Amino acid sequence: MRRILFIAGFSVLLFVVLTCVTASIETPSDGNDTFGFPFRFYKIYGGKRSFYPPNEFSVVMLLLDVVIAILVVWIGNVTFIKLRTKNENA
């Protein structure tokens, strides 16, 4: 149970950090803001325009980002456990 909580907590943390670090904030210079890594799931249109399209949000891309974060943490956890048991047996 602790392992599942660790994977879930670290996945959320990894997802939030990657989203914040890779966010493209360009509205101060008449650009668009985009969020998401590796898939962009949210886009805010900014700048001076004659037509403002609605902000874009993709649930599918958000779920793909979360699944990738969970897989990365899970694979890292499995690798760490295998290396730890290998070193204990040596």
PDB file of N, CA and C in Angstrom:
ATOM      1  N   MET A   1       0.821  -1.198   0.000  1.00  0.00           N
ATOM      2  CA  MET A   1       0.000   0.000   0.000  1.00  0.00           C
ATOM      3  C   MET A   1       0.868   1.267   0.000  1.00  0.00           C
ATOM      4  N   ARG A   2       1.958   1.224   0.785  1.00  0.00           N
ATOM      5  CA  ARG A   2       2.849   2.388   0.839  1.00  0.00           C
ATOM      6  C   ARG A   2       3.492   2.646  -0.517  1.00  0.00           C
ATOM      7  N   ARG A   3       3.787   1.563  -1.240  1.00  0.00           N
ATOM      8  CA  ARG A   3       4.409   1.718  -2.551  1.00  0.00           C
ATOM      9  C   ARG A   3       3.452   2.406  -3.524  1.00  0.00           C
ATOM     10  N   ILE A   4       2.172   2.036  -3.459  1.00  0.00           N
ATOM     11  CA  ILE A   4       1.177   2.660  -4.341  1.00  0.00           C
ATOM     12  C   ILE A   4       1.026   4.141  -4.003  1.00  0.00           C
ATOM     13  N   LEU A   5       1.004   4.468  -2.717  1.00  0.00           N
ATOM     14  CA  LEU A   5       0.908   5.875  -2.315  1.00  0.00           C
ATOM     15  C   LEU A   5       2.148   6.651  -2.744  1.00  0.00           C
ATOM     16  N   PHE A   6       3.307   6.032  -2.654  1.00  0.00           N
ATOM     17  CA  PHE A   6       4.539   6.679  -3.098  1.00  0.00           C
ATOM     18  C   PHE A   6       4.491   6.961  -4.596  1.00  0.00           C
ATOM     19  N   ILE A   7       4.080   5.951  -5.367  1.00  0.00           N
ATOM     20  CA  ILE A   7       4.004   6.120  -6.822  1.00  0.00           C
ATOM     21  C   ILE A   7       2.988   7.202  -7.173  1.00  0.00           C
ATOM     22  N   ALA A   8       1.828   7.191  -6.529  1.00  0.00           N
ATOM     23  CA  ALA A   8       0.801   8.193  -6.828  1.00  0.00           C
ATOM     24  C   ALA A   8       1.271   9.591  -6.447  1.00  0.00           C
ATOM     25  N   GLY A   9       1.832   9.735  -5.263  1.00  0.00           N
ATOM     26  CA  GLY A   9       2.294  11.053  -4.818  1.00  0.00           C
ATOM     27  C   GLY A   9       3.420  11.597  -5.662  1.00  0.00           C
ATOM     28  N   PHE A  10       4.383  10.753  -5.958  1.00  0.00           N
ATOM     29  CA  PHE A  10       5.508  11.213  -6.757  1.00  0.00           C
ATOM     30  C   PHE A  10       5.085  11.487  -8.197  1.00  0.00           C
ATOM     31  N   SER A  11       4.105  10.725  -8.712  1.00  0.00           N
ATOM     32  CA  SER A  11       3.604  10.974 -10.069  1.00  0.00           C
ATOM     33  C   SER A  11       2.934  12.334 -10.161  1.00  0.00           C
ATOM     34  N   VAL A  12       2.133  12.675  -9.150  1.00  0.00           N
ATOM     35  CA  VAL A  12       1.476  13.983  -9.136  1.00  0.00           C
ATOM     36  C   VAL A  12       2.521  15.088  -9.060  1.00  0.00           C
ATOM     37  N   LEU A  13       3.507  14.918  -8.187  1.00  0.00           N
ATOM     38  CA  LEU A  13       4.575  15.908  -8.060  1.00  0.00           C
ATOM     39  C   LEU A  13       5.345  16.058  -9.365  1.00  0.00           C
ATOM     40  N   LEU A  14       5.693  14.952  -9.990  1.00  0.00           N
ATOM     41  CA  LEU A  14       6.409  14.997 -11.269  1.00  0.00           C
ATOM     42  C   LEU A  14       5.571  15.683 -12.338  1.00  0.00           C
ATOM     43  N   PHE A  15       4.285  15.366 -12.392  1.00  0.00           N
ATOM     44  CA  PHE A  15       3.395  15.966 -13.373  1.00  0.00           C
ATOM     45  C   PHE A  15       3.300  17.476 -13.184  1.00  0.00           C
ATOM     46  N   VAL A  16       3.140  17.922 -11.950  1.00  0.00           N
ATOM     47  CA  VAL A  16       3.016  19.361 -11.663  1.00  0.00           C
ATOM     48  C   VAL A  16       4.315  20.087 -11.999  1.00  0.00           C
ATOM     49  N   VAL A  17       5.438  19.524 -11.604  1.00  0.00           N
ATOM     50  CA  VAL A  17       6.727  20.173 -11.866  1.00  0.00           C
ATOM     51  C   VAL A  17       6.991  20.263 -13.369  1.00  0.00           C
ATOM     52  N   LEU A  18       6.777  19.177 -14.100  1.00  0.00           N
ATOM     53  CA  LEU A  18       7.012  19.209 -15.547  1.00  0.00           C
ATOM     54  C   LEU A  18       6.061  20.174 -16.251  1.00  0.00           C
ATOM     55  N   THR A  19       4.817  20.236 -15.800  1.00  0.00           N
ATOM     56  CA  THR A  19       3.865  21.162 -16.409  1.00  0.00           C
ATOM     57  C   THR A  19       4.287  22.610 -16.167  1.00  0.00           C
ATOM     58  N   CYS A  20       4.722  22.914 -14.952  1.00  0.00           N
ATOM     59  CA  CYS A  20       5.134  24.290 -14.634  1.00  0.00           C
ATOM     60  C   CYS A  20       6.437  24.671 -15.338  1.00  0.00           C
ATOM     61  N   VAL A  21       7.381  23.756 -15.369  1.00  0.00           N
ATOM     62  CA  VAL A  21       8.688  24.060 -15.965  1.00  0.00           C
ATOM     63  C   VAL A  21       8.586  24.235 -17.476  1.00  0.00           C
ATOM     64  N   THR A  22       7.750  23.442 -18.124  1.00  0.00           N
ATOM     65  CA  THR A  22       7.660  23.505 -19.582  1.00  0.00           C
ATOM     66  C   THR A  22       6.534  24.399 -20.086  1.00  0.00           C
ATOM     67  N   ALA A  23       5.832  25.084 -19.192  1.00  0.00           N
ATOM     68  CA  ALA A  23       4.746  25.976 -19.614  1.00  0.00           C
ATOM     69  C   ALA A  23       5.317  27.129 -20.439  1.00  0.00           C
ATOM     70  N   SER A  24       4.581  27.495 -21.444  1.00  0.00           N
ATOM     71  CA  SER A  24       4.980  28.605 -22.300  1.00  0.00           C
ATOM     72  C   SER A  24       4.042  29.775 -22.021  1.00  0.00           C
ATOM     73  N   ILE A  25       4.533  30.758 -21.270  1.00  0.00           N
ATOM     74  CA  ILE A  25       3.723  31.922 -20.897  1.00  0.00           C
ATOM     75  C   ILE A  25       4.145  33.085 -21.801  1.00  0.00           C
ATOM     76  N   GLU A  26       3.335  33.363 -22.794  1.00  0.00           N
ATOM     77  CA  GLU A  26       3.675  34.404 -23.768  1.00  0.00           C
ATOM     78  C   GLU A  26       2.621  35.500 -23.870  1.00  0.00           C
ATOM     79  N   THR A  27       1.606  35.516 -23.004  1.00  0.00           N
ATOM     80  CA  THR A  27       0.579  36.555 -23.112  1.00  0.00           C
ATOM     81  C   THR A  27       1.101  37.958 -22.813  1.00  0.00           C
ATOM     82  N   PRO A  28       2.133  38.141 -21.984  1.00  0.00           N
ATOM     83  CA  PRO A  28       2.629  39.510 -21.810  1.00  0.00           C
ATOM     84  C   PRO A  28       3.170  40.121 -23.107  1.00  0.00           C
ATOM     85  N   SER A  29       3.576  39.264 -24.056  1.00  0.00           N
ATOM     86  CA  SER A  29       4.091  39.787 -25.320  1.00  0.00           C
ATOM     87  C   SER A  29       3.175  39.416 -26.486  1.00  0.00           C
ATOM     88  N   ASP A  30       1.865  39.457 -26.249  1.00  0.00           N
ATOM     89  CA  ASP A  30       0.850  39.173 -27.269  1.00  0.00           C
ATOM     90  C   ASP A  30       0.973  37.778 -27.857  1.00  0.00           C
ATOM     91  N   GLY A  31       1.269  36.812 -27.023  1.00  0.00           N
ATOM     92  CA  GLY A  31       1.357  35.426 -27.476  1.00  0.00           C
ATOM     93  C   GLY A  31       0.329  34.558 -26.780  1.00  0.00           C
ATOM     94  N   ASN A  32       0.497  33.260 -26.896  1.00  0.00           N
ATOM     95  CA  ASN A  32      -0.419  32.296 -26.303  1.00  0.00           C
ATOM     96  C   ASN A  32       0.276  31.562 -25.159  1.00  0.00           C
ATOM     97  N   ASP A  33      -0.488  31.169 -24.163  1.00  0.00           N
ATOM     98  CA  ASP A  33       0.027  30.348 -23.074  1.00  0.00           C
ATOM     99  C   ASP A  33      -0.336  28.897 -23.352  1.00  0.00           C
ATOM    100  N   THR A  34       0.643  28.000 -23.206  1.00  0.00           N
ATOM    101  CA  THR A  34       0.376  26.576 -23.377  1.00  0.00           C
ATOM    102  C   THR A  34       0.921  25.822 -22.174  1.00  0.00           C
ATOM    103  N   PHE A  35       0.204  24.773 -21.785  1.00  0.00           N
ATOM    104  CA  PHE A  35       0.567  23.969 -20.632  1.00  0.00           C
ATOM    105  C   PHE A  35       0.508  22.500 -20.999  1.00  0.00           C
ATOM    106  N   GLY A  36       1.447  21.729 -20.452  1.00  0.00           N
ATOM    107  CA  GLY A  36       1.459  20.285 -20.634  1.00  0.00           C
ATOM    108  C   GLY A  36       2.793  19.791 -21.139  1.00  0.00           C
ATOM    109  N   PHE A  37       3.194  18.627 -20.626  1.00  0.00           N
ATOM    110  CA  PHE A  37       4.404  17.985 -21.099  1.00  0.00           C
ATOM    111  C   PHE A  37       4.214  16.487 -20.999  1.00  0.00           C
ATOM    112  N   PRO A  38       4.462  15.724 -22.016  1.00  0.00           N
ATOM    113  CA  PRO A  38       4.941  16.058 -23.348  1.00  0.00           C
ATOM    114  C   PRO A  38       3.831  16.505 -24.297  1.00  0.00           C
ATOM    115  N   PHE A  39       2.574  16.283 -23.921  1.00  0.00           N
ATOM    116  CA  PHE A  39       1.461  16.697 -24.776  1.00  0.00           C
ATOM    117  C   PHE A  39       0.833  17.968 -24.218  1.00  0.00           C
ATOM    118  N   ARG A  40       0.572  18.943 -25.057  1.00  0.00           N
ATOM    119  CA  ARG A  40      -0.040  20.208 -24.623  1.00  0.00           C
ATOM    120  C   ARG A  40      -1.536  20.000 -24.458  1.00  0.00           C
ATOM    121  N   PHE A  41      -2.009  20.145 -23.214  1.00  0.00           N
ATOM    122  CA  PHE A  41      -3.427  19.880 -22.949  1.00  0.00           C
ATOM    123  C   PHE A  41      -4.240  21.149 -22.723  1.00  0.00           C
ATOM    124  N   TYR A  42      -3.594  22.297 -22.546  1.00  0.00           N
ATOM    125  CA  TYR A  42      -4.351  23.533 -22.298  1.00  0.00           C
ATOM    126  C   TYR A  42      -3.672  24.687 -23.018  1.00  0.00           C
ATOM    127  N   LYS A  43      -4.461  25.466 -23.734  1.00  0.00           N
ATOM    128  CA  LYS A  43      -3.938  26.607 -24.471  1.00  0.00           C
ATOM    129  C   LYS A  43      -4.838  27.807 -24.243  1.00  0.00           C
ATOM    130  N   ILE A  44      -4.220  28.917 -23.828  1.00  0.00           N
ATOM    131  CA  ILE A  44      -4.939  30.170 -23.607  1.00  0.00           C
ATOM    132  C   ILE A  44      -4.490  31.139 -24.694  1.00  0.00           C
ATOM    133  N   TYR A  45      -5.437  31.641 -25.441  1.00  0.00           N
ATOM    134  CA  TYR A  45      -5.102  32.590 -26.498  1.00  0.00           C
ATOM    135  C   TYR A  45      -5.020  33.992 -25.916  1.00  0.00           C
ATOM    136  N   GLY A  46      -3.983  34.703 -26.266  1.00  0.00           N
ATOM    137  CA  GLY A  46      -3.801  36.062 -25.772  1.00  0.00           C
ATOM    138  C   GLY A  46      -3.439  37.000 -26.902  1.00  0.00           C
ATOM    139  N   GLY A  47      -3.138  38.210 -26.535  1.00  0.00           N
ATOM    140  CA  GLY A  47      -2.743  39.188 -27.538  1.00  0.00           C
ATOM    141  C   GLY A  47      -3.921  39.939 -28.116  1.00  0.00           C
ATOM    142  N   LYS A  48      -3.604  40.899 -28.948  1.00  0.00           N
ATOM    143  CA  LYS A  48      -4.651  41.695 -29.593  1.00  0.00           C
ATOM    144  C   LYS A  48      -5.094  40.984 -30.863  1.00  0.00           C
ATOM    145  N   ARG A  49      -6.361  40.676 -30.930  1.00  0.00           N
ATOM    146  CA  ARG A  49      -6.923  39.980 -32.083  1.00  0.00           C
ATOM    147  C   ARG A  49      -8.304  40.548 -32.373  1.00  0.00           C
ATOM    148  N   SER A  50      -8.736  40.369 -33.587  1.00  0.00           N
ATOM    149  CA  SER A  50     -10.095  40.771 -33.910  1.00  0.00           C
ATOM    150  C   SER A  50     -11.075  39.660 -33.517  1.00  0.00           C
ATOM    151  N   PHE A  51     -10.576  38.432 -33.463  1.00  0.00           N
ATOM    152  CA  PHE A  51     -11.409  37.292 -33.078  1.00  0.00           C
ATOM    153  C   PHE A  51     -10.669  36.511 -31.999  1.00  0.00           C
ATOM    154  N   TYR A  52     -11.305  36.319 -30.860  1.00  0.00           N
ATOM    155  CA  TYR A  52     -10.707  35.541 -29.779  1.00  0.00           C
ATOM    156  C   TYR A  52     -11.309  34.143 -29.774  1.00  0.00           C
ATOM    157  N   PRO A  53     -10.540  33.138 -30.179  1.00  0.00           N
ATOM    158  CA  PRO A  53     -11.068  31.777 -30.099  1.00  0.00           C
ATOM    159  C   PRO A  53     -11.153  31.352 -28.628  1.00  0.00           C
ATOM    160  N   PRO A  54     -12.029  30.431 -28.326  1.00  0.00           N
ATOM    161  CA  PRO A  54     -12.106  29.966 -26.928  1.00  0.00           C
ATOM    162  C   PRO A  54     -10.832  29.217 -26.542  1.00  0.00           C
ATOM    163  N   ASN A  55     -10.532  29.237 -25.250  1.00  0.00           N
ATOM    164  CA  ASN A  55      -9.366  28.504 -24.766  1.00  0.00           C
ATOM    165  C   ASN A  55      -9.553  27.020 -25.052  1.00  0.00           C
ATOM    166  N   GLU A  56      -8.467  26.345 -25.360  1.00  0.00           N
ATOM    167  CA  GLU A  56      -8.533  24.929 -25.708  1.00  0.00           C
ATOM    168  C   GLU A  56      -8.105  24.077 -24.522  1.00  0.00           C
ATOM    169  N   PHE A  57      -8.881  23.033 -24.254  1.00  0.00           N
ATOM    170  CA  PHE A  57      -8.539  22.073 -23.209  1.00  0.00           C
ATOM    171  C   PHE A  57      -8.815  20.679 -23.746  1.00  0.00           C
ATOM    172  N   SER A  58      -7.836  19.781 -23.638  1.00  0.00           N
ATOM    173  CA  SER A  58      -7.990  18.418 -24.126  1.00  0.00           C
ATOM    174  C   SER A  58      -7.852  17.437 -22.964  1.00  0.00           C
ATOM    175  N   VAL A  59      -8.931  16.764 -22.637  1.00  0.00           N
ATOM    176  CA  VAL A  59      -8.913  15.780 -21.562  1.00  0.00           C
ATOM    177  C   VAL A  59      -8.031  14.595 -21.944  1.00  0.00           C
ATOM    178  N   VAL A  60      -8.065  14.208 -23.207  1.00  0.00           N
ATOM    179  CA  VAL A  60      -7.270  13.070 -23.672  1.00  0.00           C
ATOM    180  C   VAL A  60      -5.779  13.352 -23.484  1.00  0.00           C
ATOM    181  N   MET A  61      -5.325  14.531 -23.866  1.00  0.00           N
ATOM    182  CA  MET A  61      -3.910  14.874 -23.706  1.00  0.00           C
ATOM    183  C   MET A  61      -3.518  14.965 -22.229  1.00  0.00           C
ATOM    184  N   LEU A  62      -4.427  15.480 -21.392  1.00  0.00           N
ATOM    185  CA  LEU A  62      -4.161  15.541 -19.953  1.00  0.00           C
ATOM    186  C   LEU A  62      -4.008  14.135 -19.381  1.00  0.00           C
ATOM    187  N   LEU A  63      -4.895  13.230 -19.750  1.00  0.00           N
ATOM    188  CA  LEU A  63      -4.805  11.858 -19.261  1.00  0.00           C
ATOM    189  C   LEU A  63      -3.544  11.167 -19.760  1.00  0.00           C
ATOM    190  N   LEU A  64      -3.157  11.427 -21.002  1.00  0.00           N
ATOM    191  CA  LEU A  64      -1.902  10.859 -21.517  1.00  0.00           C
ATOM    192  C   LEU A  64      -0.703  11.366 -20.721  1.00  0.00           C
ATOM    193  N   ASP A  65      -0.689  12.644 -20.390  1.00  0.00           N
ATOM    194  CA  ASP A  65       0.396  13.206 -19.583  1.00  0.00           C
ATOM    195  C   ASP A  65       0.455  12.542 -18.205  1.00  0.00           C
ATOM    196  N   VAL A  66      -0.698  12.357 -17.577  1.00  0.00           N
ATOM    197  CA  VAL A  66      -0.734  11.746 -16.244  1.00  0.00           C
ATOM    198  C   VAL A  66      -0.293  10.282 -16.316  1.00  0.00           C
ATOM    199  N   VAL A  67      -0.748   9.557 -17.330  1.00  0.00           N
ATOM    200  CA  VAL A  67      -0.356   8.149 -17.486  1.00  0.00           C
ATOM    201  C   VAL A  67       1.149   8.037 -17.706  1.00  0.00           C
ATOM    202  N   ILE A  68       1.718   8.911 -18.496  1.00  0.00           N
ATOM    203  CA  ILE A  68       3.165   8.880 -18.731  1.00  0.00           C
ATOM    204  C   ILE A  68       3.918   9.169 -17.435  1.00  0.00           C
ATOM    205  N   ALA A  69       3.451  10.122 -16.644  1.00  0.00           N
ATOM    206  CA  ALA A  69       4.101  10.417 -15.364  1.00  0.00           C
ATOM    207  C   ALA A  69       4.027   9.210 -14.433  1.00  0.00           C
ATOM    208  N   ILE A  70       2.889   8.537 -14.382  1.00  0.00           N
ATOM    209  CA  ILE A  70       2.745   7.354 -13.532  1.00  0.00           C
ATOM    210  C   ILE A  70       3.664   6.243 -14.007  1.00  0.00           C
ATOM    211  N   LEU A  71       3.739   6.021 -15.311  1.00  0.00           N
ATOM    212  CA  LEU A  71       4.615   4.974 -15.851  1.00  0.00           C
ATOM    213  C   LEU A  71       6.086   5.256 -15.556  1.00  0.00           C
ATOM    214  N   VAL A  72       6.495   6.494 -15.683  1.00  0.00           N
ATOM    215  CA  VAL A  72       7.896   6.844 -15.410  1.00  0.00           C
ATOM    216  C   VAL A  72       8.233   6.569 -13.946  1.00  0.00           C
ATOM    217  N   VAL A  73       7.374   6.958 -13.051  1.00  0.00           N
ATOM    218  CA  VAL A  73       7.623   6.729 -11.626  1.00  0.00           C
ATOM    219  C   VAL A  73       7.571   5.238 -11.304  1.00  0.00           C
ATOM    220  N   TRP A  74       6.634   4.510 -11.876  1.00  0.00           N
ATOM    221  CA  TRP A  74       6.521   3.080 -11.617  1.00  0.00           C
ATOM    222  C   TRP A  74       7.746   2.332 -12.130  1.00  0.00           C
ATOM    223  N   ILE A  75       8.191   2.635 -13.348  1.00  0.00           N
ATOM    224  CA  ILE A  75       9.382   1.988 -13.900  1.00  0.00           C
ATOM    225  C   ILE A  75      10.616   2.328 -13.064  1.00  0.00           C
ATOM    226  N   GLY A  76      10.719   3.578 -12.632  1.00  0.00           N
ATOM    227  CA  GLY A  76      11.829   3.956 -11.764  1.00  0.00           C
ATOM    228  C   GLY A  76      11.791   3.218 -10.436  1.00  0.00           C
ATOM    229  N   ASN A  77      10.604   3.042  -9.872  1.00  0.00           N
ATOM    230  CA  ASN A  77      10.453   2.323  -8.610  1.00  0.00           C
ATOM    231  C   ASN A  77      10.830   0.851  -8.770  1.00  0.00           C
ATOM    232  N   VAL A  78      10.371   0.213  -9.836  1.00  0.00           N
ATOM    233  CA  VAL A  78      10.702  -1.191 -10.084  1.00  0.00           C
ATOM    234  C   VAL A  78      12.206  -1.350 -10.283  1.00  0.00           C
ATOM    235  N   THR A  79      12.809  -0.459 -11.030  1.00  0.00           N
ATOM    236  CA  THR A  79      14.252  -0.517 -11.258  1.00  0.00           C
ATOM    237  C   THR A  79      15.015  -0.340  -9.950  1.00  0.00           C
ATOM    238  N   PHE A  80      14.591   0.605  -9.124  1.00  0.00           N
ATOM    239  CA  PHE A  80      15.246   0.839  -7.839  1.00  0.00           C
ATOM    240  C   PHE A  80      15.155  -0.387  -6.949  1.00  0.00           C
ATOM    241  N   ILE A  81      13.987  -1.020  -6.906  1.00  0.00           N
ATOM    242  CA  ILE A  81      13.812  -2.216  -6.073  1.00  0.00           C
ATOM    243  C   ILE A  81      14.690  -3.353  -6.572  1.00  0.00           C
ATOM    244  N   LYS A  82      14.763  -3.553  -7.887  1.00  0.00           N
ATOM    245  CA  LYS A  82      15.603  -4.624  -8.433  1.00  0.00           C
ATOM    246  C   LYS A  82      17.078  -4.370  -8.140  1.00  0.00           C
ATOM    247  N   LEU A  83      17.514  -3.126  -8.265  1.00  0.00           N
ATOM    248  CA  LEU A  83      18.911  -2.816  -7.968  1.00  0.00           C
ATOM    249  C   LEU A  83      19.207  -2.995  -6.486  1.00  0.00           C
ATOM    250  N   ARG A  84      18.258  -2.622  -5.632  1.00  0.00           N
ATOM    251  CA  ARG A  84      18.461  -2.758  -4.189  1.00  0.00           C
ATOM    252  C   ARG A  84      18.535  -4.220  -3.782  1.00  0.00           C
ATOM    253  N   THR A  85      17.655  -5.064  -4.334  1.00  0.00           N
ATOM    254  CA  THR A  85      17.690  -6.496  -3.985  1.00  0.00           C
ATOM    255  C   THR A  85      18.933  -7.151  -4.569  1.00  0.00           C
ATOM    256  N   LYS A  86      19.390  -6.700  -5.713  1.00  0.00           N
ATOM    257  CA  LYS A  86      20.615  -7.260  -6.319  1.00  0.00           C
ATOM    258  C   LYS A  86      21.810  -6.923  -5.444  1.00  0.00           C
ATOM    259  N   ASN A  87      21.879  -5.709  -4.927  1.00  0.00           N
ATOM    260  CA  ASN A  87      22.999  -5.308  -4.062  1.00  0.00           C
ATOM    261  C   ASN A  87      22.937  -6.009  -2.713  1.00  0.00           C
ATOM    262  N   GLU A  88      21.740  -6.289  -2.197  1.00  0.00           N
ATOM    263  CA  GLU A  88      21.615  -7.002  -0.923  1.00  0.00           C
ATOM    264  C   GLU A  88      22.055  -8.443  -1.046  1.00  0.00           C
ATOM    265  N   ASN A  89      21.824  -9.060  -2.209  1.00  0.00           N
ATOM    266  CA  ASN A  89      22.202 -10.452  -2.430  1.00  0.00           C
ATOM    267  C   ASN A  89      23.681 -10.612  -2.734  1.00  0.00           C
ATOM    268  N   ALA A  90      24.332  -9.551  -3.156  1.00  0.00           N
ATOM    269  CA  ALA A  90      25.740  -9.665  -3.537  1.00  0.00           C
ATOM    270  C   ALA A  90      26.660  -9.682  -2.347  1.00  0.00           C
TER     271      ALA A  90
END
